[in-house]
Protein backbone atom coordinates (compact mmCIF):
# COMPACT_ATOMS: atom_id res chain seq x y z
CA MET A 1 130.24 95.55 113.66
CA LYS A 2 126.75 94.44 112.66
CA ARG A 3 125.24 96.16 115.74
CA ILE A 4 127.14 99.38 114.96
CA ALA A 5 125.82 99.34 111.40
CA VAL A 6 122.24 98.92 112.63
CA ILE A 7 122.66 101.76 115.11
CA SER A 8 124.09 104.02 112.40
CA LEU A 9 121.17 103.25 110.12
CA LEU A 10 118.66 104.04 112.87
CA ALA A 11 120.41 107.27 113.69
CA LEU A 12 119.94 108.46 110.11
CA SER A 13 116.25 107.54 109.90
CA PRO A 14 114.48 110.75 108.70
CA SER A 15 111.13 109.85 110.25
CA LEU A 16 112.75 109.89 113.71
CA ALA A 17 114.87 112.97 113.26
CA HIS A 18 112.83 114.92 115.78
CA ALA A 19 112.38 112.26 118.49
CA ASP A 20 114.54 111.60 121.56
CA SER A 21 118.25 111.32 121.07
CA VAL A 22 120.45 108.81 122.87
CA PHE A 23 124.14 109.72 122.70
CA LEU A 24 126.52 106.78 123.01
CA LYS A 25 129.87 106.84 124.76
CA SER A 26 131.37 105.47 121.60
CA GLY A 27 130.38 108.66 119.81
CA GLY A 28 127.24 107.48 118.04
CA GLN A 29 123.69 108.83 118.34
CA ILE A 30 120.33 107.06 118.06
CA ASN A 31 117.07 108.92 117.45
CA GLY A 32 113.76 107.46 118.51
CA GLU A 33 111.37 107.54 121.44
CA VAL A 34 112.52 106.56 124.89
CA VAL A 35 109.72 104.35 126.21
CA GLU A 36 111.57 103.16 129.31
CA GLN A 37 114.65 104.31 131.15
CA ARG A 38 115.96 102.09 133.93
CA ALA A 39 119.06 102.16 136.05
CA ASP A 40 120.65 99.47 133.90
CA ALA A 41 119.24 100.18 130.42
CA VAL A 42 117.33 102.49 128.08
CA VAL A 43 114.54 101.10 125.90
CA LEU A 44 114.18 103.06 122.68
CA GLU A 45 111.39 102.68 120.14
CA VAL A 46 112.70 103.15 116.63
CA GLY A 47 110.34 102.75 113.70
CA PRO A 48 108.62 99.36 113.80
CA GLY A 49 110.70 97.93 116.66
CA ARG A 50 112.52 98.58 119.92
CA ILE A 51 116.11 98.30 121.01
CA THR A 52 117.53 98.11 124.51
CA LEU A 53 120.78 99.92 125.19
CA PRO A 54 122.76 99.12 128.34
CA MET A 55 123.43 102.17 130.47
CA TRP A 56 127.20 101.55 130.42
CA SER A 57 127.07 102.38 126.68
CA VAL A 58 124.93 105.55 127.04
CA ALA A 59 126.52 108.95 127.54
CA ARG A 60 123.28 110.94 127.84
CA VAL A 61 119.61 111.00 126.77
CA VAL A 62 118.11 114.19 125.31
CA SER A 63 114.40 114.75 124.63
CA ASN A 64 114.02 116.80 121.46
CA THR A 65 110.25 117.11 121.15
CA THR A 66 107.03 117.65 123.06
CA ASP A 67 104.49 114.88 123.61
CA LEU A 68 102.56 116.13 120.60
CA GLY A 69 105.63 115.79 118.42
CA LEU A 70 106.27 112.30 119.73
CA TYR A 71 102.70 111.34 118.92
CA HIS A 72 103.17 112.33 115.30
CA VAL A 73 106.49 110.49 115.13
CA ARG A 74 104.88 107.31 116.42
CA ALA A 75 101.80 107.71 114.22
CA GLU A 76 103.95 108.03 111.11
CA ALA A 77 105.66 104.78 111.99
CA LEU A 78 102.42 102.78 112.32
CA ALA A 79 100.82 100.84 109.50
CA PRO A 80 97.17 101.80 108.81
CA HIS A 81 95.89 98.30 109.74
CA ASP A 82 98.00 97.90 112.90
CA VAL A 83 95.11 97.76 115.37
CA ALA A 84 97.30 96.88 118.35
CA GLY A 85 99.73 99.67 117.50
CA TRP A 86 96.99 102.30 117.23
CA LEU A 87 95.41 101.11 120.48
CA SER A 88 98.77 101.44 122.21
CA LEU A 89 99.32 104.90 120.74
CA ALA A 90 95.83 105.99 121.76
CA ALA A 91 96.40 104.86 125.35
CA TRP A 92 99.76 106.66 125.40
CA ALA A 93 98.21 109.88 124.05
CA HIS A 94 95.48 109.67 126.69
CA SER A 95 98.10 109.28 129.44
CA ARG A 96 99.82 112.44 128.12
CA GLU A 97 96.48 114.35 128.14
CA LEU A 98 96.46 114.59 124.34
CA ALA A 99 92.69 114.12 124.12
CA THR A 100 92.35 115.05 120.45
CA GLN A 101 95.15 112.73 119.39
CA ALA A 102 93.84 109.88 121.56
CA ARG A 103 90.42 110.17 119.93
CA GLU A 104 92.07 110.23 116.51
CA ALA A 105 93.97 107.02 117.25
CA TYR A 106 90.89 105.23 118.60
CA GLU A 107 88.94 106.26 115.51
CA ARG A 108 91.73 104.82 113.36
CA VAL A 109 91.18 101.54 115.21
CA LEU A 110 87.43 101.61 114.53
CA ALA A 111 88.06 102.36 110.87
CA VAL A 112 89.79 98.98 110.66
CA ASP A 113 87.86 97.08 113.35
CA PRO A 114 84.36 98.64 113.72
CA LEU A 115 83.42 96.33 116.62
CA ASN A 116 86.55 96.84 118.70
CA ALA A 117 85.19 97.11 122.25
CA ASP A 118 88.29 98.78 123.72
CA ALA A 119 88.12 101.65 121.26
CA HIS A 120 84.35 102.06 121.66
CA LEU A 121 84.54 102.13 125.45
CA ALA A 122 87.46 104.57 125.39
CA LEU A 123 85.37 106.90 123.21
CA GLY A 124 82.44 106.68 125.63
CA HIS A 125 80.26 104.60 123.35
CA VAL A 126 77.45 102.45 124.72
CA ARG A 127 76.51 99.03 123.42
CA MET A 128 72.80 98.54 122.81
CA GLY A 129 72.04 95.12 121.43
CA ASP A 130 74.46 94.46 118.63
CA ARG A 131 75.19 98.15 118.01
CA TRP A 132 77.64 100.61 119.49
CA LEU A 133 76.18 104.09 119.92
CA SER A 134 77.60 107.37 121.06
CA ALA A 135 76.50 108.47 124.53
CA ALA A 136 74.16 111.07 123.01
CA ASP A 137 72.54 108.58 120.64
CA ALA A 138 72.17 106.05 123.45
CA ASN A 139 70.40 108.61 125.63
CA ARG A 140 68.07 109.52 122.80
CA ALA A 141 67.32 105.84 122.27
CA ARG A 142 66.31 105.68 125.94
CA GLY A 143 63.83 108.50 125.39
CA LEU A 144 65.88 111.16 127.16
CA VAL A 145 66.30 114.75 126.04
CA GLU A 146 69.19 117.11 126.62
CA PHE A 147 68.53 120.33 128.51
CA GLU A 148 71.31 122.72 129.48
CA GLY A 149 73.94 120.02 129.17
CA THR A 150 72.04 117.40 131.18
CA TRP A 151 70.08 114.42 129.92
CA MET A 152 66.64 113.95 131.50
CA SER A 153 63.09 112.83 130.81
CA PRO A 154 60.80 115.12 128.79
CA ASP A 155 58.59 115.66 131.88
CA GLU A 156 61.53 116.80 133.96
CA ARG A 157 62.63 119.11 131.18
CA GLN A 158 59.15 120.68 131.03
CA MET A 159 59.10 121.11 134.82
CA ARG A 160 62.46 122.89 134.75
CA ILE A 161 61.28 125.17 131.96
CA GLU A 162 58.19 126.14 133.97
CA GLU A 163 60.28 126.73 137.10
CA GLN A 164 62.65 128.98 135.18
CA ALA A 165 59.70 130.90 133.70
CA ALA A 166 58.21 131.45 137.18
CA MET A 167 61.55 132.63 138.53
CA ALA A 168 61.95 134.98 135.58
CA GLN A 169 58.50 136.49 136.23
CA GLU A 170 59.34 136.95 139.91
CA ARG A 171 62.59 138.70 139.06
CA GLN A 172 60.73 140.94 136.59
CA ALA A 173 58.14 141.86 139.25
CA ILE A 174 60.91 142.77 141.69
CA ARG A 175 62.62 144.93 139.07
CA GLU A 176 59.36 146.73 138.27
CA ALA A 177 58.63 147.35 141.98
CA ASP A 178 62.12 148.76 142.46
CA ALA A 179 61.64 151.02 139.44
CA ARG A 180 58.33 152.34 140.82
CA ALA A 181 59.90 153.00 144.23
CA ARG A 182 62.78 154.90 142.64
CA GLU A 183 60.33 156.94 140.56
CA ALA A 184 58.27 157.85 143.66
CA GLU A 185 61.42 158.91 145.50
CA ALA A 186 62.41 161.09 142.55
CA ARG A 187 58.98 162.77 142.50
CA ALA A 188 59.16 163.40 146.26
CA ARG A 189 62.58 165.01 145.89
CA GLU A 190 61.29 167.22 143.07
CA ALA A 191 58.28 168.33 145.17
CA ALA A 192 60.52 169.14 148.13
CA ALA A 193 62.82 171.14 145.88
CA ARG A 194 59.87 173.14 144.49
CA ALA A 195 58.61 173.86 148.03
CA ASP A 196 62.06 175.04 149.11
CA ALA A 197 62.27 177.32 146.07
CA ALA A 198 58.82 178.81 146.75
CA GLU A 199 59.71 179.51 150.38
CA ALA A 200 62.94 181.19 149.32
CA ASP A 201 61.03 183.41 146.84
CA ALA A 202 58.55 184.41 149.55
CA ARG A 203 61.32 185.39 151.95
CA GLN A 204 62.97 187.45 149.27
CA ALA A 205 59.71 189.26 148.48
CA ARG A 206 59.05 190.14 152.16
CA THR A 207 62.58 191.45 152.56
CA ALA A 208 62.16 193.68 149.49
CA GLN A 209 58.89 195.14 150.82
CA ALA A 210 60.41 196.01 154.22
CA GLY A 211 63.19 198.01 152.66
CA GLU A 212 66.84 197.47 152.43
CA GLY A 213 68.09 195.87 155.60
CA GLY A 214 64.69 196.29 157.35
CA ILE A 215 62.40 193.85 159.02
CA PRO A 216 59.28 192.92 157.09
CA TYR A 217 56.12 194.48 158.48
CA PRO A 218 53.13 192.24 158.06
CA PRO A 219 50.56 193.85 155.77
CA SER A 220 47.71 192.56 157.94
CA ALA A 221 49.03 194.47 161.00
CA ARG A 222 49.25 197.75 159.08
CA SER A 223 45.71 197.52 157.78
CA ALA A 224 44.37 197.03 161.32
CA GLU A 225 45.81 200.36 162.61
CA ALA A 226 43.83 203.68 162.49
CA PRO A 227 45.13 206.21 159.99
CA ILE A 228 47.43 208.84 161.52
CA ARG A 229 46.03 212.44 161.15
CA ALA A 230 47.92 215.76 161.54
CA ARG A 231 47.03 218.00 164.59
CA PRO A 232 45.47 221.48 163.81
CA GLU A 233 47.73 224.50 164.26
CA PRO A 234 46.67 227.06 167.07
CA PRO A 235 45.40 230.51 165.88
CA PRO A 236 48.04 233.22 165.67
CA ALA A 237 48.35 235.66 168.67
CA PRO A 238 47.11 239.29 168.18
CA PRO A 239 49.80 241.86 167.49
CA THR A 240 51.11 243.90 170.49
CA ARG A 241 51.75 247.67 170.67
CA PRO A 242 52.59 250.29 173.43
CA ARG A 243 49.73 251.50 175.59
CA SER A 244 49.17 255.12 176.67
CA ASP A 245 49.76 254.18 180.28
CA GLY A 246 53.20 252.95 179.43
CA GLY A 247 52.44 249.18 179.52
CA VAL A 248 52.58 246.67 176.79
CA GLY A 249 49.57 244.80 175.65
CA PRO A 250 46.59 245.01 173.48
CA PRO A 251 45.06 248.50 173.20
CA ARG A 252 42.21 249.30 175.47
């Protein structure tokens, strides 16, 4: 009876209303987070503790939330100063690829225990002497500078800048040469078009001079010929009349 009362109380816990649900064959229901499910038992995290339910008493297990929802359920159940609990939650969030929530949990650990090595290492911090620094601050302390997402020495950064400037100038020179070549091609096409138009006009003019449908006669050939002159007409014949001897002809 005591176990049934505890189970009933856990089932009604409002902070776990959206976690996993374990339905019992006896008709009860327990809400929490299933942290382990074996062939012989189900381990359920409920609030500050865990309970183990034998599989012979379980009818079915239903997951009611996403990993993000489970994170919030577990976070609400943790005390602010529970370093071990927040470390466990952070590791769980990381295993579920909840990067933002994992970072949040590790930062909660550092808020309570600023020198906690596990949290610092999980956040990518580097220990320098007696201080923990972020990766960026540690690189700056080593004299490195960030360039295009990579940390390097100032000399290497300057060399890369100069290389990029030289490559940019080379690309600009290639673009300008291509532009000049295209412009020259355009001028050549325009000159060819003007020559074709002039030739067409000349042909049209020669055709018009030769007459409709005729063949043009070169002006130079006509000027070389002698002018054509009309032949003189022969003098008219004298009139004829009858002669006294009976013949025809001019009078004697």
